[in-house]
Amino acid sequence: MKNRLPGYAASAATLLLLAACGGSGNDDSGPQLGAAVGAQLKSCTDLASKISFANTTITGANAVADGTAVGGLPAPAHCQVTGNMFSRTGIDGKPYAIGFEMRLPNDWNGRFFYQANGGTDGSVVAATGGVNGGGGLTNALKMGFAVISSDAGHANDPTNPFGPPVFGVDPQARLDYGYQAVGKLTPMAKNVIATAYGKGPDRSYIGGCSNGGRHTMVAASRYADQYDGYLVGDPGFRLPLAAIANIKGAQTYATLATNPADLSTGFTTAERTLVSNAVLSKCDALDGVADGMVNDTKACQKAFDLQRDVPTCNGARDGSCLSADQKTKIAGLFAGATTSTGAKIYSSWPYDNGLATGGWSFWKFTVPMILDSGAVGLIWQVPPEDPATFSGPVFALTGNVDTMLAKVNATNATYMESAMSFMLPPDAGNLDKVKSRGAKMMVYHGTADPIFSSDDTTSWYDQLSTRSGGSAQGFARFYRIPGMNHCSGGPATDQFDMLTPLVNWVEKGVAPDSVTASVRGAGNAGGANADIPSSWSATRSRPLCPYPLVTRYNGGDKESAASFSCVIASN
């Protein structure tokens, strides 16, 4: 008889189930933190003149009316504070500063949210505080949090957002981007909040997806005393290695491409659809119902075999088969791209049915030439490439990955901290300080993420659990999202709110046994997801289960989360 846990089951049942998985109930949860208490904003018009913090310049404090759209959603009445920290001139003769904005609600809930941005940062986006995957229906600002966002210490060229990240020539800009901006901004933001409300935040949270997830994991390692809750999405916490692996992938697809100018011809949409359908054929029903979703990723990797389950071409490639060369090389990439000596660069990748999407294609076939190449060559290598002559496509397609790996691990008299130091969370599997102070972490990752592998995050969580005596469930939970691409999209239930359950866990001790997620079908208020199959209900929902639990169908409406449970996976 299988152990079943409805998405709405009582917390006690969850603890018993997790104990059966090798957990230890609440023994690893740490002390219970109290709830935040709100306050009213004193004023906005004269706030700029009242703020005083070292190395900080306030450039504005502007009142924003209730209902004004900010980041795509109506915001409550608030004060927008702008400014910068540590203004200086870099070794390249260019100006640098850590630019930021804060949004302080008139009716504040007593909480602070650090919005960790994605990509290579470089712009101060609206400080709203995202709480989920795609098409958010709420955000931290709307919930009443004081929120900060920043450019992490450098400004990109707004006319060329995908241009080479030349800030990497400056060693301090590298460090700010890697981790120091968070360390500098956090105490300043808390000081601003105390000035604005007459009290500092009772509870502080940090979160983001992609590089924002990396920032959040780094903060958990480096600044565990500053935050009570961590919301981690599709984390690129080993970003330099993931980028080099993606470059190796581009080089591999180039050998398969029928059009050298288009890497996607090495693994076409029709061919990726073929593989996706083959994955579904073997894995869809493993959760008890054929619904177009792979809810048991681990079991699927055992059930599906690329060589066996996808036809091999006897003649020309026509979308109905893969060539023998394709099978060998693509299987090698899913197992994990390697160096010339066969050493794995980054991680393996799970086979999933989210491979045929435009989002998957973009990250695999376009990003290596523009984002990965620039980051590796200019931000992380020691020494960096020459920005004046740097070509992303040339670097990506002709560069030697063994050399890239050596250079992201290197230091010299100018760049005294390597990328593998300033980008990664130190001792990532050690969150003892987070646990001991009663802080909590929620992590989510799409199983069809094409740039950061959910396998890598799974391995990290296994390491964390081992260090925690067999289970980390008392203070950290990890949710794999079937079919979701990078942070959103894919044939997935990618619309959810993880901030609310995180707050309830931190401040009330209510553990998030599961999180209900929905699709973004036609008419969705957060915007429709074009990757949703037409056969799905436009309002399909599913429980996201904390790993190692998986989703199982109980019977009833297959479009409703209420028909599914979180259970112990069958080995």
Protein backbone atom coordinates (compact mmCIF):
# COMPACT_ATOMS: atom_id res chain seq x y z
CA MET A 1 0.00 0.00 0.00
CA LYS A 2 1.42 3.40 -1.00
CA ASN A 3 1.68 6.29 1.42
CA ARG A 4 -0.48 9.15 0.17
CA LEU A 5 -0.65 12.76 1.22
CA PRO A 6 -3.37 15.03 -0.19
CA GLY A 7 -2.19 18.49 -1.05
CA TYR A 8 -4.33 19.87 1.75
CA ALA A 9 -3.38 17.27 4.39
CA ALA A 10 -2.54 18.22 7.96
CA SER A 11 1.06 19.06 8.78
CA ALA A 12 1.35 16.19 11.25
CA ALA A 13 0.72 13.69 8.48
CA THR A 14 3.47 15.27 6.44
CA LEU A 15 5.97 14.95 9.25
CA LEU A 16 5.21 11.26 9.62
CA LEU A 17 5.63 10.77 5.89
CA LEU A 18 8.86 12.70 5.74
CA ALA A 19 10.18 10.74 8.69
CA ALA A 20 9.45 7.59 6.71
CA CYS A 21 11.63 9.06 3.94
CA GLY A 22 14.54 9.36 6.37
CA GLY A 23 13.60 12.75 7.82
CA SER A 24 13.46 13.70 11.46
CA GLY A 25 10.21 15.60 11.79
CA ASN A 26 10.62 19.02 13.36
CA ASP A 27 13.96 18.15 15.02
CA ASP A 28 15.81 19.99 12.25
CA SER A 29 13.54 23.00 12.05
CA GLY A 30 15.42 25.35 14.39
CA PRO A 31 13.77 27.88 16.75
CA GLN A 32 10.39 29.35 15.87
CA LEU A 33 10.56 32.99 14.77
CA GLY A 34 7.82 35.45 15.64
CA ALA A 35 5.49 37.21 13.23
CA ALA A 36 6.23 40.61 11.74
CA VAL A 37 4.30 43.65 12.98
CA GLY A 38 3.42 46.38 10.49
CA ALA A 39 3.67 50.16 10.65
CA GLN A 40 2.66 53.25 8.69
CA LEU A 41 5.01 55.26 6.50
CA LYS A 42 5.78 58.54 8.26
CA SER A 43 6.17 60.59 5.09
CA CYS A 44 7.66 60.39 1.62
CA THR A 45 8.21 63.98 0.54
CA ASP A 46 11.01 64.66 3.04
CA LEU A 47 12.35 61.11 3.36
CA ALA A 48 15.34 61.69 1.08
CA SER A 49 16.66 64.41 3.40
CA LYS A 50 16.31 62.17 6.45
CA ILE A 51 18.16 59.13 5.14
CA SER A 52 21.82 59.01 6.15
CA PHE A 53 24.00 55.96 5.57
CA ALA A 54 27.69 55.66 4.82
CA ASN A 55 28.76 55.59 1.16
CA THR A 56 25.15 56.15 0.08
CA THR A 57 23.60 58.89 -2.04
CA ILE A 58 19.80 59.23 -2.19
CA THR A 59 18.70 60.68 -5.52
CA GLY A 60 14.95 60.79 -5.02
CA ALA A 61 11.91 59.95 -2.92
CA ASN A 62 8.66 60.02 -4.87
CA ALA A 63 5.13 59.25 -3.74
CA VAL A 64 3.31 56.72 -5.93
CA ALA A 65 -0.50 56.64 -5.86
CA ASP A 66 -2.52 53.57 -4.95
CA GLY A 67 -3.36 51.42 -7.97
CA THR A 68 -0.46 52.62 -10.11
CA ALA A 69 0.86 49.78 -12.28
CA VAL A 70 4.37 48.76 -11.24
CA GLY A 71 5.96 45.75 -12.89
CA GLY A 72 2.68 44.88 -14.57
CA LEU A 73 0.53 44.76 -11.43
CA PRO A 74 -1.34 47.50 -9.53
CA ALA A 75 0.68 48.55 -6.51
CA PRO A 76 -0.47 49.94 -3.16
CA ALA A 77 0.33 53.55 -2.31
CA HIS A 78 4.03 53.73 -1.62
CA CYS A 79 7.23 55.78 -1.66
CA GLN A 80 9.83 55.07 -4.34
CA VAL A 81 13.34 55.79 -3.09
CA THR A 82 16.24 55.82 -5.55
CA GLY A 83 19.95 56.07 -4.98
CA ASN A 84 23.38 54.51 -5.25
CA MET A 85 26.21 53.24 -3.09
CA PHE A 86 30.01 53.28 -3.34
CA SER A 87 30.35 55.53 -6.36
CA ARG A 88 33.86 55.16 -7.83
CA THR A 89 35.97 54.97 -10.96
CA GLY A 90 37.01 51.51 -12.11
CA ILE A 91 40.40 50.37 -13.37
CA ASP A 92 38.98 50.78 -16.87
CA GLY A 93 38.37 54.50 -16.22
CA LYS A 94 34.59 54.08 -16.24
CA PRO A 95 32.18 55.17 -13.49
CA TYR A 96 30.71 52.50 -11.21
CA ALA A 97 28.18 52.49 -8.39
CA ILE A 98 25.61 50.13 -6.90
CA GLY A 99 22.36 51.62 -8.15
CA PHE A 100 19.13 50.74 -6.36
CA GLU A 101 15.51 51.57 -5.82
CA MET A 102 13.30 50.82 -2.84
CA ARG A 103 9.53 50.83 -2.72
CA LEU A 104 8.10 51.45 0.73
CA PRO A 105 4.32 50.88 1.16
CA ASN A 106 2.36 53.46 3.10
CA ASP A 107 0.70 50.54 4.90
CA TRP A 108 3.72 48.35 5.64
CA ASN A 109 3.51 44.76 6.86
CA GLY A 110 6.77 44.89 8.82
CA ARG A 111 8.73 42.81 6.30
CA PHE A 112 11.66 43.45 3.95
CA PHE A 113 12.20 41.69 0.62
CA TYR A 114 15.46 41.80 -1.32
CA GLN A 115 14.66 41.26 -4.99
CA ALA A 116 17.61 39.38 -6.48
CA ASN A 117 17.62 40.01 -10.21
CA GLY A 118 18.58 37.64 -13.01
CA GLY A 119 21.05 37.55 -15.88
CA THR A 120 24.20 39.58 -15.43
CA ASP A 121 22.20 42.27 -13.57
CA GLY A 122 23.17 45.73 -14.81
CA SER A 123 19.84 47.54 -14.54
CA VAL A 124 17.62 48.70 -11.69
CA VAL A 125 14.25 47.14 -12.46
CA ALA A 126 11.03 47.85 -10.59
CA ALA A 127 11.32 46.67 -6.99
CA THR A 128 8.21 44.49 -6.76
CA GLY A 129 9.50 41.17 -5.40
CA GLY A 130 8.38 38.26 -7.56
CA VAL A 131 6.93 35.27 -5.75
CA ASN A 132 6.56 32.60 -8.41
CA GLY A 133 7.28 31.25 -11.89
CA GLY A 134 5.38 32.75 -14.82
CA GLY A 135 2.65 35.38 -14.87
CA GLY A 136 2.56 36.33 -11.21
CA LEU A 137 -0.81 37.39 -9.83
CA THR A 138 0.75 39.08 -6.83
CA ASN A 139 4.15 40.20 -5.57
CA ALA A 140 5.88 41.21 -2.38
CA LEU A 141 5.13 44.93 -2.86
CA LYS A 142 1.44 44.22 -3.36
CA MET A 143 1.51 42.14 -0.17
CA GLY A 144 2.87 45.11 1.78
CA PHE A 145 6.61 44.33 1.88
CA ALA A 146 9.29 47.00 1.61
CA VAL A 147 11.24 45.88 -1.47
CA ILE A 148 14.67 46.71 -2.91
CA SER A 149 16.17 45.95 -6.32
CA SER A 150 19.59 46.89 -7.67
CA ASP A 151 21.94 46.69 -10.64
CA ALA A 152 24.49 44.78 -8.50
CA GLY A 153 27.17 47.41 -9.06
CA HIS A 154 27.28 48.12 -12.79
CA ALA A 155 25.09 49.60 -15.52
CA ASN A 156 24.55 47.81 -18.83
CA ASP A 157 24.28 49.72 -22.09
CA PRO A 158 20.49 50.20 -22.43
CA THR A 159 20.82 50.41 -26.22
CA ASN A 160 22.55 47.02 -26.38
CA PRO A 161 21.26 44.80 -23.54
CA PHE A 162 22.86 41.68 -25.03
CA GLY A 163 26.18 43.39 -25.66
CA PRO A 164 29.42 42.13 -24.11
CA PRO A 165 29.45 42.57 -20.28
CA VAL A 166 32.52 44.79 -20.28
CA PHE A 167 32.11 45.58 -16.58
CA GLY A 168 33.95 42.30 -15.96
CA VAL A 169 37.22 44.05 -16.71
CA ASP A 170 36.90 45.81 -13.35
CA PRO A 171 37.73 43.44 -10.46
CA GLN A 172 35.51 45.20 -7.91
CA ALA A 173 32.55 45.11 -10.30
CA ARG A 174 33.05 41.36 -10.54
CA LEU A 175 32.92 41.01 -6.76
CA ASP A 176 29.86 43.25 -6.40
CA TYR A 177 28.04 41.24 -9.03
CA GLY A 178 29.08 37.97 -7.41
CA TYR A 179 28.11 38.67 -3.80
CA GLN A 180 29.25 41.97 -2.33
CA ALA A 181 26.36 44.13 -3.59
CA VAL A 182 23.94 42.09 -1.48
CA GLY A 183 26.19 42.48 1.54
CA LYS A 184 26.42 46.24 1.07
CA LEU A 185 22.79 46.93 0.19
CA THR A 186 21.15 44.86 2.93
CA PRO A 187 22.16 46.95 5.99
CA MET A 188 21.56 50.17 4.06
CA ALA A 189 18.04 49.04 3.10
CA LYS A 190 17.21 48.12 6.67
CA ASN A 191 18.43 51.55 7.79
CA VAL A 192 16.20 53.25 5.21
CA ILE A 193 13.24 51.21 6.44
CA ALA A 194 13.93 52.19 10.04
CA THR A 195 14.09 55.85 9.01
CA ALA A 196 10.86 55.61 7.03
CA TYR A 197 8.77 53.75 9.61
CA GLY A 198 10.45 54.39 12.94
CA LYS A 199 11.41 50.70 13.21
CA GLY A 200 13.42 48.20 11.23
CA PRO A 201 11.94 45.12 9.59
CA ASP A 202 10.87 42.35 11.93
CA ARG A 203 11.41 39.76 9.22
CA SER A 204 13.62 39.87 6.13
CA TYR A 205 13.31 37.78 2.97
CA ILE A 206 15.36 37.45 -0.19
CA GLY A 207 14.41 35.76 -3.42
CA GLY A 208 14.78 35.53 -7.17
CA CYS A 209 15.01 33.14 -10.10
CA SER A 210 17.99 32.14 -12.28
CA ASN A 211 20.92 34.36 -11.29
CA GLY A 212 18.49 35.70 -8.68
CA GLY A 213 18.28 32.18 -7.30
CA ARG A 214 22.06 32.10 -7.23
CA HIS A 215 22.17 35.43 -5.38
CA THR A 216 19.73 33.99 -2.84
CA MET A 217 21.75 30.81 -2.25
CA VAL A 218 24.93 32.88 -1.92
CA ALA A 219 23.18 35.10 0.64
CA ALA A 220 22.18 32.01 2.61
CA SER A 221 25.84 31.02 2.77
CA ARG A 222 27.43 34.43 3.28
CA TYR A 223 24.74 36.52 5.01
CA ALA A 224 22.73 33.99 7.00
CA ASP A 225 22.39 36.44 9.90
CA GLN A 226 20.57 38.97 7.70
CA TYR A 227 17.61 36.99 6.34
CA ASP A 228 14.82 34.86 7.76
CA GLY A 229 13.41 33.44 4.52
CA TYR A 230 14.97 32.46 1.18
CA LEU A 231 12.94 31.93 -1.99
CA VAL A 232 15.15 30.23 -4.60
CA GLY A 233 14.02 29.73 -8.20
CA ASP A 234 15.83 27.66 -10.88
CA PRO A 235 19.16 28.56 -9.29
CA GLY A 236 22.30 28.96 -11.37
CA PHE A 237 24.35 28.49 -8.23
CA ARG A 238 27.23 27.01 -10.26
CA LEU A 239 26.76 29.56 -13.01
CA PRO A 240 30.27 29.60 -14.55
CA LEU A 241 30.21 25.82 -14.96
CA ALA A 242 26.67 25.82 -16.38
CA ALA A 243 27.68 28.47 -18.92
CA ILE A 244 30.75 26.52 -20.05
CA ALA A 245 28.68 23.35 -20.33
CA ASN A 246 26.17 25.26 -22.48
CA ILE A 247 29.03 26.46 -24.70
CA LYS A 248 30.17 22.86 -25.06
CA GLY A 249 26.58 22.04 -26.01
CA ALA A 250 26.62 24.71 -28.72
CA GLN A 251 29.84 23.30 -30.11
CA THR A 252 28.25 19.84 -30.17
CA TYR A 253 25.06 21.00 -31.89
CA ALA A 254 27.20 22.82 -34.45
CA THR A 255 28.61 19.44 -35.53
CA LEU A 256 25.04 18.21 -36.08
CA ALA A 257 23.64 21.33 -37.76
CA THR A 258 22.52 21.12 -41.37
CA ASN A 259 22.81 24.92 -41.54
CA PRO A 260 26.05 26.14 -39.92
CA ALA A 261 24.46 29.54 -39.30
CA ASP A 262 21.61 28.00 -37.26
CA LEU A 263 22.49 25.69 -34.36
CA SER A 264 18.85 24.64 -33.96
CA THR A 265 19.16 22.64 -37.19
CA GLY A 266 21.30 20.23 -35.18
CA PHE A 267 18.25 19.29 -33.11
CA THR A 268 15.18 20.69 -34.85
CA THR A 269 11.77 21.50 -33.42
CA ALA A 270 10.32 18.41 -35.12
CA GLU A 271 13.08 16.24 -33.66
CA ARG A 272 12.69 17.71 -30.19
CA THR A 273 8.92 17.11 -30.45
CA LEU A 274 9.68 13.52 -31.42
CA VAL A 275 11.82 13.04 -28.31
CA SER A 276 9.28 14.81 -26.08
CA ASN A 277 6.51 12.55 -27.30
CA ALA A 278 8.69 9.49 -26.76
CA VAL A 279 9.36 10.63 -23.20
CA LEU A 280 5.62 11.04 -22.63
CA SER A 281 4.94 7.61 -24.08
CA LYS A 282 7.22 6.03 -21.49
CA CYS A 283 6.68 8.35 -18.53
CA ASP A 284 3.30 10.09 -18.68
CA ALA A 285 1.32 7.37 -16.90
CA LEU A 286 3.91 6.73 -14.17
CA ASP A 287 1.87 8.96 -11.83
CA GLY A 288 -1.30 7.00 -12.47
CA VAL A 289 -2.87 9.07 -15.24
CA ALA A 290 -2.05 10.05 -18.82
CA ASP A 291 -2.27 13.82 -18.64
CA GLY A 292 0.65 15.08 -20.74
CA MET A 293 2.90 15.63 -17.71
CA VAL A 294 5.92 13.78 -16.32
CA ASN A 295 5.38 14.01 -12.57
CA ASP A 296 7.93 11.39 -11.51
CA THR A 297 11.21 12.62 -12.99
CA LYS A 298 13.43 10.03 -11.32
CA ALA A 299 11.29 7.10 -12.47
CA CYS A 300 11.17 8.57 -15.97
CA GLN A 301 14.94 8.52 -16.32
CA LYS A 302 14.83 4.78 -15.65
CA ALA A 303 11.90 4.18 -17.98
CA PHE A 304 13.11 6.18 -21.00
CA ASP A 305 16.06 5.30 -23.21
CA LEU A 306 16.95 7.57 -26.14
CA GLN A 307 18.61 4.82 -28.14
CA ARG A 308 15.74 2.37 -27.71
CA ASP A 309 12.65 4.60 -27.64
CA VAL A 310 13.36 7.03 -30.51
CA PRO A 311 13.63 5.70 -34.10
CA THR A 312 17.06 5.79 -35.73
CA CYS A 313 17.21 7.28 -39.22
CA ASN A 314 18.07 4.87 -42.03
CA GLY A 315 18.23 7.71 -44.50
CA ALA A 316 17.92 11.50 -44.40
CA ARG A 317 16.70 13.28 -41.27
CA ASP A 318 13.06 14.25 -41.72
CA GLY A 319 11.81 14.84 -38.16
CA SER A 320 10.57 11.28 -37.67
CA CYS A 321 13.90 9.92 -36.43
CA LEU A 322 17.32 10.87 -35.07
CA SER A 323 20.56 9.95 -36.79
CA ALA A 324 22.94 7.64 -34.97
CA ASP A 325 25.33 10.59 -34.59
CA GLN A 326 22.58 12.71 -33.06
CA LYS A 327 21.67 10.01 -30.59
CA THR A 328 25.24 9.56 -29.42
CA LYS A 329 26.00 13.26 -29.05
CA ILE A 330 22.63 14.37 -27.61
CA ALA A 331 22.67 11.51 -25.11
CA GLY A 332 26.16 12.64 -24.13
CA LEU A 333 24.92 16.17 -23.45
CA PHE A 334 22.03 14.91 -21.32
CA ALA A 335 24.47 12.75 -19.36
CA GLY A 336 26.57 15.88 -18.85
CA ALA A 337 28.96 17.75 -21.16
CA THR A 338 32.59 16.80 -20.61
CA THR A 339 36.11 18.10 -21.07
CA SER A 340 38.65 16.60 -23.46
CA THR A 341 39.62 14.12 -20.73
CA GLY A 342 36.02 13.03 -20.12
CA ALA A 343 35.52 14.95 -16.86
CA LYS A 344 32.00 16.26 -16.38
CA ILE A 345 31.88 20.05 -16.61
CA TYR A 346 28.59 20.70 -14.81
CA SER A 347 25.66 18.30 -14.43
CA SER A 348 23.40 15.76 -16.09
CA TRP A 349 19.94 16.77 -17.35
CA PRO A 350 16.63 14.91 -17.02
CA TYR A 351 14.73 13.86 -20.12
CA ASP A 352 11.42 15.70 -20.05
CA ASN A 353 8.59 16.60 -22.39
CA GLY A 354 9.39 20.33 -22.30
CA LEU A 355 12.13 20.13 -24.95
CA ALA A 356 10.13 21.27 -27.99
CA THR A 357 9.47 24.81 -26.79
CA GLY A 358 10.89 28.08 -28.03
CA GLY A 359 12.25 28.78 -24.56
CA TRP A 360 14.30 25.58 -24.57
CA SER A 361 15.61 26.38 -28.05
CA PHE A 362 16.60 29.94 -27.12
CA TRP A 363 18.74 28.91 -24.17
CA LYS A 364 20.45 26.05 -25.98
CA PHE A 365 21.08 27.57 -29.41
CA THR A 366 21.21 31.37 -28.96
CA VAL A 367 22.38 32.10 -25.42
CA PRO A 368 25.82 30.43 -25.76
CA MET A 369 26.79 33.02 -28.37
CA ILE A 370 25.58 36.10 -26.52
CA LEU A 371 25.25 35.60 -22.77
CA ASP A 372 27.37 32.58 -21.88
CA SER A 373 30.30 33.58 -24.03
CA GLY A 374 30.36 37.15 -22.71
CA ALA A 375 30.07 36.07 -19.10
CA VAL A 376 32.80 33.43 -19.36
CA GLY A 377 35.16 35.54 -21.47
CA LEU A 378 34.75 38.90 -19.78
CA ILE A 379 33.34 38.44 -16.24
CA TRP A 380 34.82 35.16 -15.02
CA GLN A 381 38.05 34.41 -16.86
CA VAL A 382 41.39 35.51 -15.47
CA PRO A 383 42.60 37.37 -17.35
CA PRO A 384 39.49 38.49 -19.28
CA GLU A 385 39.37 38.61 -23.04
CA ASP A 386 39.99 41.97 -24.72
CA PRO A 387 36.58 43.70 -24.98
CA ALA A 388 37.71 45.64 -28.06
CA THR A 389 38.15 42.49 -30.13
CA PHE A 390 35.82 40.07 -28.35
CA SER A 391 33.29 38.15 -30.46
CA GLY A 392 30.78 36.06 -28.56
CA PRO A 393 29.95 33.65 -31.40
CA VAL A 394 33.61 33.07 -32.25
CA PHE A 395 34.49 32.54 -28.59
CA ALA A 396 31.60 30.10 -28.08
CA LEU A 397 32.07 28.02 -31.21
CA THR A 398 35.87 27.90 -31.40
CA GLY A 399 36.98 28.29 -27.78
CA ASN A 400 38.54 25.45 -25.82
CA VAL A 401 36.36 24.51 -22.83
CA ASP A 402 39.32 23.05 -20.93
CA THR A 403 41.01 26.45 -21.15
CA MET A 404 37.81 28.20 -20.08
CA LEU A 405 37.55 25.99 -17.00
CA ALA A 406 41.16 26.68 -16.06
CA LYS A 407 40.66 30.43 -16.43
CA VAL A 408 37.45 30.65 -14.34
CA ASN A 409 39.41 28.95 -11.55
CA ALA A 410 42.43 31.24 -11.94
CA THR A 411 43.56 34.37 -10.06
CA ASN A 412 46.30 36.94 -10.53
CA ALA A 413 47.52 40.17 -8.93
CA THR A 414 44.59 42.14 -10.37
CA TYR A 415 41.81 39.56 -10.07
CA MET A 416 42.58 38.09 -6.67
CA GLU A 417 39.35 36.11 -6.27
CA SER A 418 38.39 33.51 -8.86
CA ALA A 419 34.94 33.24 -10.38
CA MET A 420 34.50 29.89 -8.65
CA SER A 421 34.90 31.79 -5.39
CA PHE A 422 32.94 34.99 -5.97
CA MET A 423 30.06 33.42 -7.92
CA LEU A 424 29.31 30.23 -5.96
CA PRO A 425 27.88 29.89 -2.46
CA PRO A 426 30.75 28.83 -0.20
CA ASP A 427 30.14 25.26 0.99
CA ALA A 428 26.68 25.22 -0.60
CA GLY A 429 25.50 22.14 1.28
CA ASN A 430 26.18 23.76 4.65
CA LEU A 431 23.23 25.85 5.82
CA ASP A 432 23.79 25.24 9.51
CA LYS A 433 23.52 28.95 10.33
CA VAL A 434 20.24 29.28 8.41
CA LYS A 435 18.83 26.30 10.28
CA SER A 436 20.11 27.30 13.74
CA ARG A 437 18.50 30.74 13.64
CA GLY A 438 15.10 29.39 12.58
CA ALA A 439 15.24 30.70 9.01
CA LYS A 440 13.61 28.74 6.17
CA MET A 441 14.30 28.13 2.49
CA MET A 442 11.98 27.14 -0.36
CA VAL A 443 13.51 26.12 -3.68
CA TYR A 444 11.79 25.37 -7.00
CA HIS A 445 13.20 24.22 -10.33
CA GLY A 446 11.63 23.35 -13.68
CA THR A 447 12.56 19.88 -14.88
CA ALA A 448 12.81 21.17 -18.47
CA ASP A 449 15.08 24.09 -17.56
CA PRO A 450 17.60 24.20 -20.46
CA ILE A 451 20.30 26.34 -18.84
CA PHE A 452 20.44 25.27 -15.17
CA SER A 453 19.74 21.61 -14.57
CA SER A 454 17.20 20.47 -11.98
CA ASP A 455 19.52 17.47 -11.55
CA ASP A 456 22.15 19.85 -10.16
CA THR A 457 19.70 21.33 -7.67
CA THR A 458 18.53 17.82 -6.73
CA SER A 459 22.14 16.80 -6.03
CA TRP A 460 22.62 19.93 -3.91
CA TYR A 461 19.50 19.15 -1.89
CA ASP A 462 20.63 15.56 -1.35
CA GLN A 463 23.94 16.93 -0.06
CA LEU A 464 22.11 19.34 2.24
CA SER A 465 19.93 16.52 3.58
CA THR A 466 22.92 14.27 4.21
CA ARG A 467 24.61 17.00 6.23
CA SER A 468 21.37 17.48 8.16
CA GLY A 469 21.27 13.87 9.29
CA GLY A 470 19.10 12.39 6.54
CA SER A 471 16.59 15.18 5.94
CA ALA A 472 16.60 18.95 5.53
CA GLN A 473 12.80 19.15 5.40
CA GLY A 474 12.58 20.98 8.71
CA PHE A 475 14.15 24.14 7.29
CA ALA A 476 14.53 23.72 3.51
CA ARG A 477 12.19 22.24 0.90
CA PHE A 478 12.71 21.67 -2.80
CA TYR A 479 9.95 21.47 -5.44
CA ARG A 480 10.55 20.15 -8.95
CA ILE A 481 8.09 21.60 -11.47
CA PRO A 482 7.31 19.12 -14.27
CA GLY A 483 7.74 20.47 -17.80
CA MET A 484 8.71 24.01 -16.77
CA ASN A 485 11.48 25.69 -18.74
CA HIS A 486 13.79 28.32 -17.25
CA CYS A 487 11.80 30.03 -14.47
CA SER A 488 8.56 29.87 -16.47
CA GLY A 489 6.96 28.48 -19.61
CA GLY A 490 6.94 24.99 -21.02
CA PRO A 491 4.02 22.53 -20.75
CA ALA A 492 3.75 23.19 -17.03
CA THR A 493 1.76 24.51 -14.12
CA ASP A 494 4.09 27.47 -13.73
CA GLN A 495 1.83 29.95 -11.91
CA PHE A 496 2.10 29.78 -8.12
CA ASP A 497 2.82 31.82 -5.02
CA MET A 498 5.68 30.57 -2.86
CA LEU A 499 6.19 33.70 -0.80
CA THR A 500 2.97 33.33 1.18
CA PRO A 501 3.76 29.76 2.33
CA LEU A 502 7.35 30.80 3.05
CA VAL A 503 6.14 33.57 5.36
CA ASN A 504 3.71 31.18 7.06
CA TRP A 505 6.53 28.70 7.59
CA VAL A 506 8.98 31.28 8.94
CA GLU A 507 6.58 33.19 11.14
CA LYS A 508 3.87 30.65 12.07
CA GLY A 509 5.66 27.32 11.83
CA VAL A 510 3.24 26.04 9.18
CA ALA A 511 5.35 23.79 6.96
CA PRO A 512 4.57 23.96 3.20
CA ASP A 513 3.51 20.34 2.60
CA SER A 514 2.69 21.18 -1.00
CA VAL A 515 2.16 24.27 -3.12
CA THR A 516 -0.73 24.50 -5.56
CA ALA A 517 0.32 25.58 -9.05
CA SER A 518 -1.83 26.35 -12.09
CA VAL A 519 -1.37 26.65 -15.82
CA ARG A 520 -1.69 29.97 -17.61
CA GLY A 521 -4.30 29.16 -20.19
CA ALA A 522 -6.27 31.51 -22.42
CA GLY A 523 -7.60 34.48 -20.47
CA ASN A 524 -5.23 34.05 -17.53
CA ALA A 525 -4.75 37.33 -15.67
CA GLY A 526 -1.00 36.80 -15.61
CA GLY A 527 -0.76 36.25 -19.35
CA ALA A 528 -1.26 33.04 -21.32
CA ASN A 529 1.54 30.48 -21.71
CA ALA A 530 1.79 29.54 -25.40
CA ASP A 531 3.41 26.21 -24.49
CA ILE A 532 0.25 24.79 -22.88
CA PRO A 533 -1.25 21.96 -25.00
CA SER A 534 -4.73 22.68 -26.33
CA SER A 535 -6.01 19.47 -24.72
CA TRP A 536 -5.38 20.82 -21.21
CA SER A 537 -7.92 22.80 -19.24
CA ALA A 538 -7.06 26.50 -19.21
CA THR A 539 -7.20 26.32 -15.40
CA ARG A 540 -5.41 23.00 -14.77
CA SER A 541 -3.80 22.82 -11.33
CA ARG A 542 -1.39 20.46 -9.62
CA PRO A 543 0.25 20.14 -6.20
CA LEU A 544 3.99 20.80 -6.26
CA CYS A 545 5.44 18.20 -3.92
CA PRO A 546 8.50 18.63 -1.71
CA TYR A 547 11.27 16.35 -2.94
CA PRO A 548 11.68 13.40 -2.53
CA LEU A 549 7.89 13.07 -2.62
CA VAL A 550 6.21 12.82 -6.01
CA THR A 551 2.73 13.45 -7.38
CA ARG A 552 0.27 10.57 -7.75
CA TYR A 553 -3.27 10.53 -9.18
CA ASN A 554 -6.04 9.50 -6.77
CA GLY A 555 -8.91 9.49 -9.26
CA GLY A 556 -11.42 12.18 -10.18
CA ASP A 557 -10.96 15.30 -12.27
CA LYS A 558 -7.48 15.08 -13.79
CA GLU A 559 -7.45 18.86 -14.28
CA SER A 560 -7.66 19.53 -10.53
CA ALA A 561 -4.92 19.49 -7.89
CA ALA A 562 -7.45 17.98 -5.47
CA SER A 563 -7.26 14.72 -7.43
CA PHE A 564 -3.56 14.26 -6.72
CA SER A 565 -1.42 13.46 -3.68
CA CYS A 566 2.23 13.76 -2.66
CA VAL A 567 3.61 10.29 -2.00
CA ILE A 568 6.86 8.47 -1.38
CA ALA A 569 8.33 7.57 -4.75
CA SER A 570 8.61 3.90 -5.64
CA ASN A 571 12.24 2.91 -6.20
